[in-house]
Each structure stands twice: as structure tokens, then as C-alpha cells.
Amino acid sequence: MTDIFRAEGLGKTYPGVRANDDISFAVAAGEIHALLGENGAGKSTLVKMIYGLVRPDEGRMIFAGHPHAPADPRAARAAGVAMVFQHFSLFDALTVAENIALGMENPPPRAELSRRIAELSQGYGLPLNPARRIATLSAGERQRVEILRCLLQNPRLLIMDEPTSVLTPQEAEILFATLRQLAERGTAILYISHKLEEIRSHCDRATILRHGKVVGTVDPRAHSAPELAAMMVGAEMRVIDRSGRNPGAMVLAVAGLSTPAGRSEGVALKDVALRLHAGEILGIGGVAGNGQEELLSALSGEIATAPGTVMLESADLSALPPEARRRAGLLSAPEDRLGHAAVPEFSLTENTLLTAGSRQNLIRRGLIDHAAARNFAQSVIRAFDVRTPGPGTAAGALSGGNLQKFVIGREVLGNPRVLVVNQPTWGVDAGAAAAIRQALLDLAAQGAGVIVISQDLDELLELSDRFCALNEGRLSAPRPTEGLSVAEIGLMLGGAHGMEVAHVPA
């Protein structure tokens, strides 16, 4: 295969951080090439240099046989580089065609663009109606819009950052079929993902970064997932320990929980019922947009709930706001870590005050105990291996995975009676994901009840004692996770599980 892109000795330094150090690797035309590494290993900086968002301090790039030094993304796109980012950049109020037009330098007339979108989407097995409004699309369909926006540029190199993080297994398979089509037509694909089995199944080669340096380029099919993870972290992966848990008395009872959608693209909860025991992990799966955010908000107190719907042991928390529920012992960590779980401009110390202020006695008689807050933040950093200069660092300066570790650690160290987490390992590397999952298992072993809401079925099967499916705001009756197959879970996620939501046995 002929190399379409080559990096030679690329380096980038930020104040106090060597993000990329002598990066050299190549991507061939027609291959799917994975880029692997822990959070903070330098992957994002590297692809930003290729896409023109960051200028390297040293080294050079060669693209299609010519020097590649794009001053901005427009120049990168003109050269033939396209990128699908991890976070969607779509306007909910606009249609598919209108969103795609916004990303084009010289969009054709709307009728012509709609025709091209329809033809291209059908040709690549990504059917989309150009007239549909983004707010009505599932996460998988929104991913298709981002991909089609890139494909209309006829790229020679397509960069994809965590593209399956919000997709169902079925949607992920459709995506990979599309990527294989592109590769067969000569497009090079640089693929970033923390899902190692995904990399092993679909990628031709993998370049591994560790602490900003290339440690090797390998055939991922010739290595196991633990071997790839060990290359990333420089050590053997820890083995998840599920021992020490013994479910006890009921700690949380939810009955008849119904809420309005609240916003045009929101989902109404419909007569949700569940029971959670001390020492138990209850897994809740669902395709994105089926009420996960609403369920966490209703349990945390961000959405008002009717009397008698949320009981923590013998206390009715239904009328209480979030801070009062936290004081009672019901803690939560939402999916949106930057903006919802943490304030980007606040330091890590200041962000501990958002949820741990009263429960950890960081605020006394209206006054902040700055030393105690700093010590608590430092304990989270230490216990969860958060890669940061210190507790005074702004949350927005952390990589996504390191901020996720901090957010989860802040709640776990808050000694909850019940912890509700949504997408606890979204966007974190294999080592960090294993550490977070072990922390949740350890928390349950200490007697807390834990609810894990996730779209990662492997994660739910690994962690949970019982499993429920959330579909269009309805929660299925729980089933023991042991013996439950992925195929059965897939049917449950689609609503084919004989919903029993009104009365859930203890």
C-alpha cells in the first residue's frame, strides 16, 4: 500500500506539558489505521495538527506526496483531509441539508444538495432524509450527518475520533461497513477509539502512543485486547475483582415516576419503577435519547418528582432539590462532564464544592474551608490517578478522560448510600475504564447501592447484578445479568421485552 500521509519527528509543547515528542508514523491509502493511547497520550494534539487546528513546533508532515502544513481546517479540507469529531457540531433546529450546507465552502442550491445527500447516503448504507430536523434524529443518525458532511468533500484522509461512543452495536456495524467501503475505494482512515475489541476487529494497523511518544505500530489482530492495553499503559492491565459483594436491604425504591419531556427533543419518563439494594449494582441500558438523562435528573432532583416516587430507605426524597438529596446520601454523576458535572472555568478544588460542599463539610456556616476543599480535591486526584498539575488546575484544562475520572472519583469518595452514574467510562482509555469500574464495584462491596446507566453493553454485563432496558422513557422489569446474552439485551433495548413497569418485585 502507498502511504498517503506521513509524520516525521512531529513535536508540540504546551506550558509544562510535552504533548507530542518526535512522532513519526504513516497511514496508507485504503487502510483503516487506529491511533491508540491513554487519555493524555497525545492523540488529540496529533490529529489537530493534521487537521490544521494546531501548528507543530518541530517536525514535518507529508500528505499525498506534498508538504502538509495547514494554517487552519479550511486549508486541511482543501488538501483532502476531513475529520469527524467526538462531539457533534450540529444545530438541532436546522435540517440535515441545512447543517451540511453550513460546513461547505460553496454549497450548491438546496435541491441539488438534498439530491446529493440522498444519493450518497443510500450509496454508503447510511440512509438519511435531508429534510429531517436534527432534533428528531437519534445519536446514530446524527453521526451519519457528520460523516456525510465529510464524504461530500471527497476526502483522501478521514480522521474519526471515538465515532462509536454513542452508537448501538447495530449502528456501529453499519458504520464499519461504510468505513470498509471507503477504504476499498482508496480513502485512508485514521481511527481513534478506546474500544480495543473494535480496533482488533476492524483496523488494519494500530499506532500506539504513550506519554506523547510512539511506542510502536502493530497489527491489532495479532494481539489480544489486554496486550494492546499493556502497550498503551506500559504495564499489565488490572483484573476486575467482583468479590466481596453481598446485596442486603433495599436502599432505593422508585415507583410511578413519570415526568414530562420538558423540551422539544426530550423524552418523557413513563411510570418508571425500580428497587435497588445495598451492595447491588443495577445496570440500565438504552439507545441514546431514550430517557437516560431524564432518569438521572429525576433521581438527582434536577427534575421535580411527585410525592412518594423516590424513596431513599425510609425517607421520601421526592420533593427535595439536588443538594438536599446529596445530603441524604443520593449522589449522581451525569453524562455531560464539562458543563453539567463540572464548570470548565472553575479549578478542581472549586468543582469539589459543587457536590461535596456540605456532605464533606467543606462549607461550614456559609464559609468555605479552602484547605479542606483543596485536600479533598487532592484525595480524588490521588485515588483516581487524575493526570493534572494539581487541584488548582481549571477543569476545562483536563483531557476528557482525566476529567471523567475526577468527576466519578468526587462522587465515589463522597460516601454515597446510592450513586447513580450515566456513561461512567465514556471517552476514557482502557486502563482508566478498568479503574472506574473497579471503584464502582468496590463502592458496592462497601454497602452502597449503585445504578449504572450506560450504552456500553460489555460494561453493563461486567458490572451489574441485574439489568433493565430503557426504551422511549419506559423501564423494563429487571433481569439477572448472569446468563443474559447480548442478543437478548438488544431485543430489550428495542422494546421487545414485555414491559413490566408498574410493580417491580424486591
Protein backbone atom coordinates (compact mmCIF):
# COMPACT_ATOMS: atom_id res chain seq x y z
CA MET A 1 0.00 0.00 0.00
CA THR A 2 1.15 3.54 -0.76
CA ASP A 3 1.44 5.98 2.11
CA ILE A 4 -0.99 8.89 1.78
CA PHE A 5 0.14 10.58 4.99
CA ARG A 6 3.43 10.57 6.85
CA ALA A 7 4.53 12.34 10.03
CA GLU A 8 8.25 12.83 10.64
CA GLY A 9 9.50 13.92 14.05
CA LEU A 10 6.43 15.95 15.00
CA GLY A 11 6.64 17.74 18.33
CA LYS A 12 4.34 20.04 20.28
CA THR A 13 4.89 21.59 23.71
CA TYR A 14 2.41 23.47 25.87
CA PRO A 15 3.35 25.25 29.10
CA GLY A 16 4.55 22.47 31.38
CA VAL A 17 3.43 19.66 29.04
CA ARG A 18 5.23 17.87 26.19
CA ALA A 19 2.11 16.77 24.30
CA ASN A 20 3.86 15.21 21.29
CA ASP A 21 7.51 14.14 21.21
CA ASP A 22 9.21 13.03 17.96
CA ILE A 23 6.06 11.50 16.45
CA SER A 24 6.76 9.53 13.28
CA PHE A 25 4.28 7.18 11.59
CA ALA A 26 2.48 6.69 8.27
CA VAL A 27 -1.05 5.97 7.07
CA ALA A 28 -1.55 4.13 3.77
CA ALA A 29 -4.23 4.78 1.20
CA GLY A 30 -7.09 2.34 1.60
CA GLU A 31 -6.33 1.29 5.18
CA ILE A 32 -8.14 1.78 8.47
CA HIS A 33 -5.35 2.84 10.82
CA ALA A 34 -6.04 3.02 14.56
CA LEU A 35 -4.46 5.57 16.87
CA LEU A 36 -4.31 4.17 20.41
CA GLY A 37 -3.21 5.64 23.72
CA GLU A 38 -4.28 6.55 27.22
CA ASN A 39 -6.09 9.81 27.90
CA GLY A 40 -3.43 12.46 27.69
CA ALA A 41 -1.12 10.32 25.49
CA GLY A 42 -1.15 12.97 22.75
CA LYS A 43 -3.73 11.63 20.27
CA SER A 44 -5.87 14.76 20.17
CA THR A 45 -2.89 17.08 19.70
CA LEU A 46 -1.61 14.90 16.87
CA VAL A 47 -4.85 14.83 14.87
CA LYS A 48 -5.37 18.55 15.48
CA MET A 49 -2.01 19.18 13.81
CA ILE A 50 -3.06 17.06 10.82
CA TYR A 51 -6.37 18.94 10.59
CA GLY A 52 -4.87 22.40 10.95
CA LEU A 53 -6.17 23.27 14.41
CA VAL A 54 -2.68 23.24 15.97
CA ARG A 55 0.73 24.08 14.49
CA PRO A 56 3.62 21.73 15.33
CA ASP A 57 6.73 23.14 16.99
CA GLU A 58 9.03 20.81 15.08
CA GLY A 59 8.96 18.06 12.51
CA ARG A 60 7.03 17.89 9.27
CA MET A 61 4.03 16.22 7.65
CA ILE A 62 3.75 14.84 4.10
CA PHE A 63 0.32 14.38 2.53
CA ALA A 64 -0.20 12.90 -0.94
CA GLY A 65 3.49 13.43 -1.68
CA HIS A 66 3.49 17.14 -0.77
CA PRO A 67 4.44 19.07 2.40
CA HIS A 68 1.39 19.38 4.65
CA ALA A 69 1.29 22.39 6.97
CA PRO A 70 -2.33 23.61 7.01
CA ALA A 71 -2.83 27.02 8.60
CA ASP A 72 -6.40 26.13 9.53
CA PRO A 73 -9.05 23.42 8.99
CA ARG A 74 -10.17 25.08 5.74
CA ALA A 75 -6.70 24.53 4.30
CA ALA A 76 -6.69 20.94 5.56
CA ARG A 77 -10.05 20.25 3.93
CA ALA A 78 -8.84 21.81 0.67
CA ALA A 79 -5.88 19.42 0.75
CA GLY A 80 -8.18 16.42 1.19
CA VAL A 81 -8.33 15.89 4.97
CA ALA A 82 -11.71 15.56 6.73
CA MET A 83 -12.46 14.97 10.40
CA VAL A 84 -15.46 13.66 12.34
CA PHE A 85 -15.17 14.92 15.92
CA GLN A 86 -16.21 13.06 19.06
CA HIS A 87 -18.74 15.76 19.96
CA PHE A 88 -21.32 16.56 17.30
CA SER A 89 -21.34 20.11 15.90
CA LEU A 90 -24.92 20.25 14.66
CA PHE A 91 -27.75 22.74 15.11
CA ASP A 92 -30.85 20.98 16.42
CA ALA A 93 -33.30 23.46 14.90
CA LEU A 94 -31.94 23.05 11.36
CA THR A 95 -32.44 20.23 8.87
CA VAL A 96 -29.86 17.70 7.75
CA ALA A 97 -29.29 19.58 4.49
CA GLU A 98 -29.04 22.97 6.23
CA ASN A 99 -26.43 21.66 8.68
CA ILE A 100 -24.36 20.13 5.90
CA ALA A 101 -24.56 23.34 3.86
CA LEU A 102 -23.11 25.29 6.79
CA GLY A 103 -19.98 23.17 6.62
CA MET A 104 -19.37 23.69 2.91
CA GLU A 105 -17.31 26.49 1.37
CA ASN A 106 -19.60 26.89 -1.66
CA PRO A 107 -22.78 24.87 -1.11
CA PRO A 108 -24.87 24.08 -4.20
CA PRO A 109 -28.55 25.04 -4.43
CA ARG A 110 -30.59 23.35 -1.71
CA ALA A 111 -32.43 20.99 -4.09
CA GLU A 112 -29.15 19.84 -5.64
CA LEU A 113 -27.54 19.40 -2.23
CA SER A 114 -30.51 17.36 -0.97
CA ARG A 115 -30.29 15.12 -4.02
CA ARG A 116 -26.55 14.56 -3.46
CA ILE A 117 -27.09 13.83 0.24
CA ALA A 118 -29.81 11.28 -0.54
CA GLU A 119 -27.71 9.56 -3.23
CA LEU A 120 -24.55 9.46 -1.13
CA SER A 121 -26.35 8.27 2.00
CA GLN A 122 -28.00 5.42 0.13
CA GLY A 123 -24.78 4.52 -1.67
CA TYR A 124 -22.90 4.11 1.59
CA GLY A 125 -25.69 2.43 3.53
CA LEU A 126 -26.33 5.49 5.72
CA PRO A 127 -29.91 6.42 4.77
CA LEU A 128 -30.96 9.93 5.78
CA ASN A 129 -33.79 12.25 4.85
CA PRO A 130 -32.18 15.63 4.02
CA ALA A 131 -35.33 17.44 5.17
CA ARG A 132 -35.41 15.99 8.69
CA ARG A 133 -34.64 18.29 11.59
CA ILE A 134 -31.59 17.33 13.63
CA ALA A 135 -33.58 17.39 16.89
CA THR A 136 -35.61 14.40 15.64
CA LEU A 137 -32.57 12.22 14.89
CA SER A 138 -31.05 9.51 17.04
CA ALA A 139 -27.38 9.68 18.02
CA GLY A 140 -26.56 7.19 15.27
CA GLU A 141 -28.35 9.27 12.66
CA ARG A 142 -26.54 12.41 13.84
CA GLN A 143 -23.28 10.54 13.40
CA ARG A 144 -24.34 9.84 9.82
CA VAL A 145 -24.84 13.56 9.20
CA GLU A 146 -21.29 14.30 10.38
CA ILE A 147 -19.90 11.53 8.17
CA LEU A 148 -21.87 12.59 5.11
CA ARG A 149 -20.71 16.17 5.62
CA CYS A 150 -17.15 14.84 5.32
CA LEU A 151 -17.85 12.45 2.43
CA LEU A 152 -19.24 15.29 0.32
CA GLN A 153 -15.70 16.71 0.41
CA ASN A 154 -14.32 13.52 -1.25
CA PRO A 155 -11.55 13.25 1.36
CA ARG A 156 -8.36 11.25 0.82
CA LEU A 157 -7.81 11.03 4.60
CA LEU A 158 -10.73 10.77 7.03
CA ILE A 159 -10.00 11.21 10.76
CA MET A 160 -12.58 9.78 13.17
CA ASP A 161 -12.48 10.49 16.91
CA GLU A 162 -14.43 7.99 19.06
CA PRO A 163 -17.16 7.58 16.42
CA THR A 164 -18.96 4.66 18.12
CA SER A 165 -19.13 6.12 21.64
CA VAL A 166 -22.85 6.92 21.25
CA LEU A 167 -23.85 4.15 18.84
CA THR A 168 -25.67 0.88 19.40
CA PRO A 169 -23.89 -2.33 18.31
CA GLN A 170 -26.11 -2.43 15.22
CA GLU A 171 -25.32 1.20 14.32
CA ALA A 172 -21.61 0.56 14.88
CA GLU A 173 -21.70 -2.35 12.42
CA ILE A 174 -23.31 -0.09 9.80
CA LEU A 175 -20.55 2.46 10.40
CA PHE A 176 -17.81 -0.12 9.95
CA ALA A 177 -19.38 -1.38 6.75
CA THR A 178 -19.27 2.19 5.47
CA LEU A 179 -15.64 2.66 6.53
CA ARG A 180 -14.66 -0.56 4.78
CA GLN A 181 -16.38 0.70 1.60
CA LEU A 182 -14.42 3.93 1.83
CA ALA A 183 -11.17 2.08 2.37
CA GLU A 184 -11.82 -0.17 -0.61
CA ARG A 185 -12.21 2.97 -2.73
CA GLY A 186 -8.81 4.22 -1.58
CA THR A 187 -9.69 6.54 1.30
CA ALA A 188 -7.31 6.37 4.26
CA ILE A 189 -8.99 6.36 7.67
CA LEU A 190 -7.24 7.37 10.89
CA TYR A 191 -9.41 5.93 13.65
CA ILE A 192 -9.30 6.86 17.35
CA SER A 193 -11.12 4.63 19.81
CA HIS A 194 -10.74 3.24 23.31
CA LYS A 195 -12.72 0.12 22.36
CA LEU A 196 -9.92 -2.36 21.83
CA GLU A 197 -12.05 -5.24 20.55
CA GLU A 198 -13.43 -2.84 17.98
CA ILE A 199 -9.89 -1.98 16.90
CA ARG A 200 -8.93 -5.66 16.70
CA SER A 201 -11.95 -6.50 14.56
CA HIS A 202 -11.86 -3.65 12.06
CA CYS A 203 -8.45 -1.96 11.84
CA ASP A 204 -5.54 -2.95 9.61
CA ARG A 205 -2.77 -1.36 11.70
CA ALA A 206 -2.53 0.49 15.01
CA THR A 207 -0.02 3.12 16.09
CA ILE A 208 0.29 3.31 19.86
CA LEU A 209 1.17 6.48 21.77
CA ARG A 210 2.37 6.64 25.34
CA HIS A 211 3.24 9.92 27.09
CA GLY A 212 3.35 11.74 23.76
CA LYS A 213 5.70 9.25 22.03
CA VAL A 214 5.14 6.46 19.51
CA VAL A 215 5.88 3.11 21.15
CA GLY A 216 5.06 1.02 18.11
CA THR A 217 2.89 0.28 15.09
CA VAL A 218 1.35 -3.21 15.13
CA ASP A 219 -1.23 -5.43 13.50
CA PRO A 220 -4.01 -5.28 16.13
CA ARG A 221 -5.42 -8.62 15.00
CA ALA A 222 -2.20 -10.29 16.14
CA HIS A 223 -2.60 -9.08 19.73
CA SER A 224 -5.23 -9.54 22.42
CA ALA A 225 -7.04 -6.57 23.93
CA PRO A 226 -5.07 -6.89 27.21
CA GLU A 227 -1.83 -6.93 25.22
CA LEU A 228 -2.80 -3.75 23.37
CA ALA A 229 -3.80 -2.12 26.65
CA ALA A 230 -0.46 -3.09 28.19
CA MET A 231 1.35 -1.41 25.29
CA MET A 232 -0.69 1.74 25.90
CA VAL A 233 -0.05 1.98 29.63
CA GLY A 234 3.33 0.27 29.85
CA ALA A 235 2.08 -2.30 32.37
CA GLU A 236 -0.25 -5.24 32.67
CA MET A 237 -3.95 -4.39 32.90
CA ARG A 238 -5.56 -4.86 36.29
CA VAL A 239 -8.07 -7.67 36.58
CA ILE A 240 -11.55 -6.63 37.65
CA ASP A 241 -12.39 -8.03 41.09
CA ARG A 242 -16.10 -8.70 41.60
CA SER A 243 -15.71 -10.37 45.01
CA GLY A 244 -16.86 -9.08 48.38
CA ARG A 245 -20.40 -8.02 47.46
CA ASN A 246 -23.44 -9.27 49.29
CA PRO A 247 -26.69 -7.44 48.42
CA GLY A 248 -28.63 -6.50 51.53
CA ALA A 249 -31.62 -4.36 52.44
CA MET A 250 -33.38 -2.12 49.96
CA VAL A 251 -31.86 1.38 49.83
CA LEU A 252 -33.79 2.97 46.96
CA ALA A 253 -37.35 2.46 45.80
CA VAL A 254 -38.80 4.27 42.79
CA ALA A 255 -42.47 3.83 41.88
CA GLY A 256 -44.79 5.56 39.43
CA LEU A 257 -42.11 8.01 38.31
CA SER A 258 -43.43 9.99 35.35
CA THR A 259 -42.11 13.30 34.04
CA PRO A 260 -42.91 15.49 31.02
CA ALA A 261 -40.41 15.69 28.17
CA GLY A 262 -39.50 19.22 29.22
CA ARG A 263 -38.05 20.23 25.84
CA SER A 264 -38.88 19.53 22.19
CA GLU A 265 -36.25 16.82 21.79
CA GLY A 266 -36.55 15.47 25.35
CA VAL A 267 -38.10 12.19 26.45
CA ALA A 268 -40.93 11.81 28.96
CA LEU A 269 -40.46 9.20 31.67
CA LYS A 270 -43.44 6.87 31.88
CA ASP A 271 -44.29 5.12 35.13
CA VAL A 272 -40.72 4.13 35.94
CA ALA A 273 -40.27 1.72 38.83
CA LEU A 274 -37.17 0.11 40.29
CA ARG A 275 -35.75 -1.21 43.53
CA LEU A 276 -32.09 -1.11 44.49
CA HIS A 277 -30.43 -2.98 47.34
CA ALA A 278 -27.36 -2.18 49.39
CA GLY A 279 -24.32 -3.78 47.80
CA GLU A 280 -26.03 -4.16 44.42
CA ILE A 281 -25.23 -2.70 41.00
CA LEU A 282 -28.27 -2.24 38.79
CA GLY A 283 -27.41 -1.78 35.11
CA ILE A 284 -29.69 0.28 32.87
CA GLY A 285 -29.08 0.11 29.13
CA GLY A 286 -30.64 2.01 26.30
CA VAL A 287 -30.02 3.56 22.92
CA ALA A 288 -29.08 7.24 23.24
CA GLY A 289 -32.10 9.53 23.56
CA ASN A 290 -34.47 7.11 25.28
CA GLY A 291 -34.63 8.93 28.62
CA GLN A 292 -31.24 8.31 30.22
CA GLU A 293 -30.57 11.97 31.00
CA GLU A 294 -34.12 12.47 32.23
CA LEU A 295 -33.92 9.46 34.55
CA LEU A 296 -30.70 10.64 36.15
CA SER A 297 -32.12 14.16 36.51
CA ALA A 298 -35.30 12.83 38.14
CA LEU A 299 -33.33 10.73 40.62
CA SER A 300 -30.86 13.52 41.41
CA GLY A 301 -33.62 16.10 41.96
CA GLU A 302 -32.93 18.28 38.92
CA ILE A 303 -36.37 17.36 37.62
CA ALA A 304 -39.28 17.71 40.06
CA THR A 305 -40.91 14.41 41.04
CA ALA A 306 -44.29 13.64 42.56
CA PRO A 307 -44.59 12.70 46.26
CA GLY A 308 -43.79 9.09 47.05
CA THR A 309 -41.97 8.37 43.80
CA VAL A 310 -38.36 8.44 45.12
CA MET A 311 -37.68 6.81 48.49
CA LEU A 312 -34.18 6.51 49.99
CA GLU A 313 -34.56 3.82 52.64
CA SER A 314 -37.48 5.21 54.72
CA ALA A 315 -37.10 8.86 53.62
CA ASP A 316 -39.23 10.37 50.86
CA LEU A 317 -36.85 12.49 48.74
CA SER A 318 -39.39 13.24 46.02
CA ALA A 319 -39.87 16.91 46.92
CA LEU A 320 -36.21 17.62 47.69
CA PRO A 321 -33.83 19.54 45.38
CA PRO A 322 -30.42 18.13 44.38
CA GLU A 323 -28.40 19.49 47.32
CA ALA A 324 -30.82 18.09 49.89
CA ARG A 325 -30.78 14.70 48.15
CA ARG A 326 -26.98 14.71 48.23
CA ARG A 327 -27.01 15.46 51.95
CA ALA A 328 -29.32 12.47 52.40
CA GLY A 329 -26.86 10.25 50.54
CA LEU A 330 -28.18 10.09 46.96
CA LEU A 331 -25.30 11.22 44.71
CA SER A 332 -25.04 11.29 40.93
CA ALA A 333 -22.62 11.83 38.04
CA PRO A 334 -24.22 12.93 34.75
CA GLU A 335 -23.01 12.06 31.25
CA ASP A 336 -22.05 15.63 30.33
CA ARG A 337 -18.90 16.04 32.37
CA LEU A 338 -17.98 19.52 31.12
CA GLY A 339 -20.79 21.97 31.78
CA HIS A 340 -23.11 19.72 33.78
CA ALA A 341 -20.84 17.77 36.13
CA ALA A 342 -18.07 20.38 36.20
CA VAL A 343 -17.66 24.10 35.46
CA PRO A 344 -14.82 24.49 32.91
CA GLU A 345 -13.51 27.76 34.34
CA PHE A 346 -13.53 26.55 37.96
CA SER A 347 -10.49 24.84 39.46
CA LEU A 348 -10.78 21.22 40.53
CA THR A 349 -10.89 22.42 44.13
CA GLU A 350 -13.80 24.73 43.34
CA ASN A 351 -15.55 21.94 41.43
CA THR A 352 -15.49 19.71 44.51
CA LEU A 353 -17.68 22.28 46.23
CA LEU A 354 -20.44 21.78 43.67
CA THR A 355 -21.44 18.35 45.03
CA ALA A 356 -19.27 17.66 48.07
CA GLY A 357 -19.54 21.01 49.87
CA SER A 358 -21.98 20.06 52.60
CA ARG A 359 -21.52 16.28 52.58
CA GLN A 360 -17.75 16.57 53.15
CA ASN A 361 -18.07 19.59 55.49
CA LEU A 362 -16.23 21.79 53.04
CA ILE A 363 -18.72 24.59 53.72
CA ARG A 364 -19.47 25.43 57.34
CA ARG A 365 -21.94 28.09 58.40
CA GLY A 366 -21.80 29.59 54.94
CA LEU A 367 -18.00 29.81 54.83
CA ILE A 368 -15.75 27.73 52.57
CA ASP A 369 -12.99 25.74 54.24
CA HIS A 370 -10.46 26.21 51.43
CA ALA A 371 -7.84 23.91 52.94
CA ALA A 372 -10.37 21.09 53.38
CA ALA A 373 -11.67 21.57 49.83
CA ARG A 374 -8.15 21.50 48.44
CA ASN A 375 -7.31 18.37 50.44
CA PHE A 376 -10.47 16.62 49.25
CA ALA A 377 -9.70 17.51 45.62
CA GLN A 378 -6.17 16.22 46.11
CA SER A 379 -7.51 12.95 47.54
CA VAL A 380 -9.67 12.46 44.43
CA ILE A 381 -6.70 13.21 42.16
CA ARG A 382 -4.53 10.73 44.05
CA ALA A 383 -7.09 7.93 44.38
CA PHE A 384 -8.19 8.06 40.74
CA ASP A 385 -4.84 8.88 39.13
CA VAL A 386 -6.08 12.13 37.59
CA ARG A 387 -3.29 13.48 35.37
CA THR A 388 -3.16 17.17 36.29
CA PRO A 389 -0.59 19.62 37.69
CA GLY A 390 -2.70 19.98 40.84
CA PRO A 391 -6.07 20.84 42.41
CA GLY A 392 -5.74 24.46 41.29
CA THR A 393 -5.98 23.46 37.62
CA ALA A 394 -9.14 24.52 35.76
CA ALA A 395 -11.47 21.63 34.92
CA GLY A 396 -11.55 22.72 31.28
CA ALA A 397 -7.77 22.22 31.01
CA LEU A 398 -8.01 18.47 31.66
CA SER A 399 -8.39 15.88 28.94
CA GLY A 400 -11.88 14.39 28.74
CA GLY A 401 -10.82 11.10 30.28
CA ASN A 402 -9.00 12.72 33.20
CA LEU A 403 -11.96 14.98 33.93
CA GLN A 404 -14.21 11.91 33.85
CA LYS A 405 -12.00 10.21 36.43
CA PHE A 406 -12.19 13.31 38.62
CA VAL A 407 -15.99 13.58 38.37
CA ILE A 408 -16.56 9.91 39.19
CA GLY A 409 -13.95 10.00 41.95
CA ARG A 410 -15.53 13.06 43.54
CA GLU A 411 -18.84 11.20 43.92
CA VAL A 412 -17.36 7.83 44.92
CA LEU A 413 -15.31 9.45 47.70
CA GLY A 414 -18.45 11.25 48.85
CA ASN A 415 -19.52 8.02 50.62
CA PRO A 416 -22.95 7.76 48.99
CA ARG A 417 -25.73 5.47 50.12
CA VAL A 418 -26.82 5.42 46.48
CA LEU A 419 -24.77 6.53 43.47
CA VAL A 420 -26.34 7.00 40.03
CA VAL A 421 -23.90 7.37 37.12
CA ASN A 422 -24.58 7.88 33.43
CA GLN A 423 -21.90 6.71 30.96
CA PRO A 424 -19.20 6.36 33.65
CA THR A 425 -16.39 5.39 31.26
CA TRP A 426 -17.39 7.35 28.16
CA GLY A 427 -14.30 8.56 26.31
CA VAL A 428 -11.73 7.13 28.73
CA ASP A 429 -8.93 4.72 27.89
CA ALA A 430 -8.92 1.04 28.79
CA GLY A 431 -6.82 1.47 31.92
CA ALA A 432 -8.93 4.33 33.26
CA ALA A 433 -12.15 2.49 32.41
CA ALA A 434 -10.97 -0.55 34.38
CA ALA A 435 -10.11 1.68 37.35
CA ILE A 436 -13.51 3.41 37.29
CA ARG A 437 -15.38 0.11 37.02
CA GLN A 438 -13.37 -1.34 39.90
CA ALA A 439 -14.16 1.75 42.00
CA LEU A 440 -17.89 1.21 41.40
CA LEU A 441 -17.58 -2.47 42.31
CA ASP A 442 -15.63 -1.56 45.46
CA LEU A 443 -18.26 1.03 46.38
CA ALA A 444 -20.98 -1.62 46.13
CA ALA A 445 -18.84 -4.03 48.17
CA GLN A 446 -18.79 -1.38 50.91
CA GLY A 447 -22.60 -1.47 51.04
CA ALA A 448 -23.69 1.32 48.71
CA GLY A 449 -26.33 0.80 46.04
CA VAL A 450 -25.13 1.73 42.54
CA ILE A 451 -27.11 2.42 39.37
CA VAL A 452 -25.04 2.39 36.18
CA ILE A 453 -26.71 3.86 33.09
CA SER A 454 -24.64 3.02 30.03
CA GLN A 455 -24.73 2.36 26.31
CA ASP A 456 -21.72 0.07 26.64
CA LEU A 457 -23.24 -3.40 26.88
CA ASP A 458 -19.93 -5.04 27.79
CA GLU A 459 -19.64 -2.62 30.69
CA LEU A 460 -23.14 -3.43 31.94
CA LEU A 461 -22.55 -7.16 31.67
CA GLU A 462 -19.27 -6.82 33.55
CA LEU A 463 -20.61 -4.66 36.38
CA SER A 464 -24.27 -5.25 37.05
CA ASP A 465 -26.13 -7.84 39.09
CA ARG A 466 -29.44 -7.07 37.41
CA PHE A 467 -30.24 -5.39 34.09
CA CYS A 468 -33.10 -3.16 32.91
CA ALA A 469 -33.67 -1.61 29.48
CA LEU A 470 -34.85 1.96 28.97
CA ASN A 471 -36.91 2.45 25.82
CA GLU A 472 -38.86 5.63 24.99
CA GLY A 473 -38.94 6.60 28.66
CA ARG A 474 -40.17 3.22 29.90
CA LEU A 475 -38.06 0.96 32.09
CA SER A 476 -38.35 -2.80 31.73
CA ALA A 477 -38.58 -5.18 34.65
CA PRO A 478 -35.11 -6.22 35.85
CA ARG A 479 -33.48 -9.47 34.84
CA PRO A 480 -30.44 -11.13 36.43
CA THR A 481 -27.40 -10.22 34.33
CA GLU A 482 -25.84 -13.66 34.70
CA GLY A 483 -26.79 -15.71 31.69
CA LEU A 484 -28.22 -12.73 29.79
CA SER A 485 -26.95 -12.67 26.19
CA VAL A 486 -26.11 -9.62 24.11
CA ALA A 487 -28.82 -10.70 21.65
CA GLU A 488 -31.45 -10.71 24.42
CA ILE A 489 -30.26 -7.30 25.59
CA GLY A 490 -30.51 -5.99 22.04
CA LEU A 491 -34.16 -7.05 21.89
CA MET A 492 -34.82 -5.43 25.26
CA LEU A 493 -33.24 -2.17 24.10
CA GLY A 494 -35.58 -2.15 21.13
CA GLY A 495 -38.64 -2.55 23.37
CA ALA A 496 -39.27 -6.25 22.71
CA HIS A 497 -39.21 -7.35 26.31
CA GLY A 498 -42.81 -7.42 27.52
CA MET A 499 -42.63 -4.25 29.60
CA GLU A 500 -43.49 -4.65 33.26
CA VAL A 501 -43.00 -1.23 34.74
CA ALA A 502 -45.63 -0.61 37.35
CA HIS A 503 -44.64 -3.07 40.05
CA VAL A 504 -41.10 -4.32 40.38
CA PRO A 505 -40.54 -7.08 42.95
CA ALA A 506 -37.89 -6.60 45.61
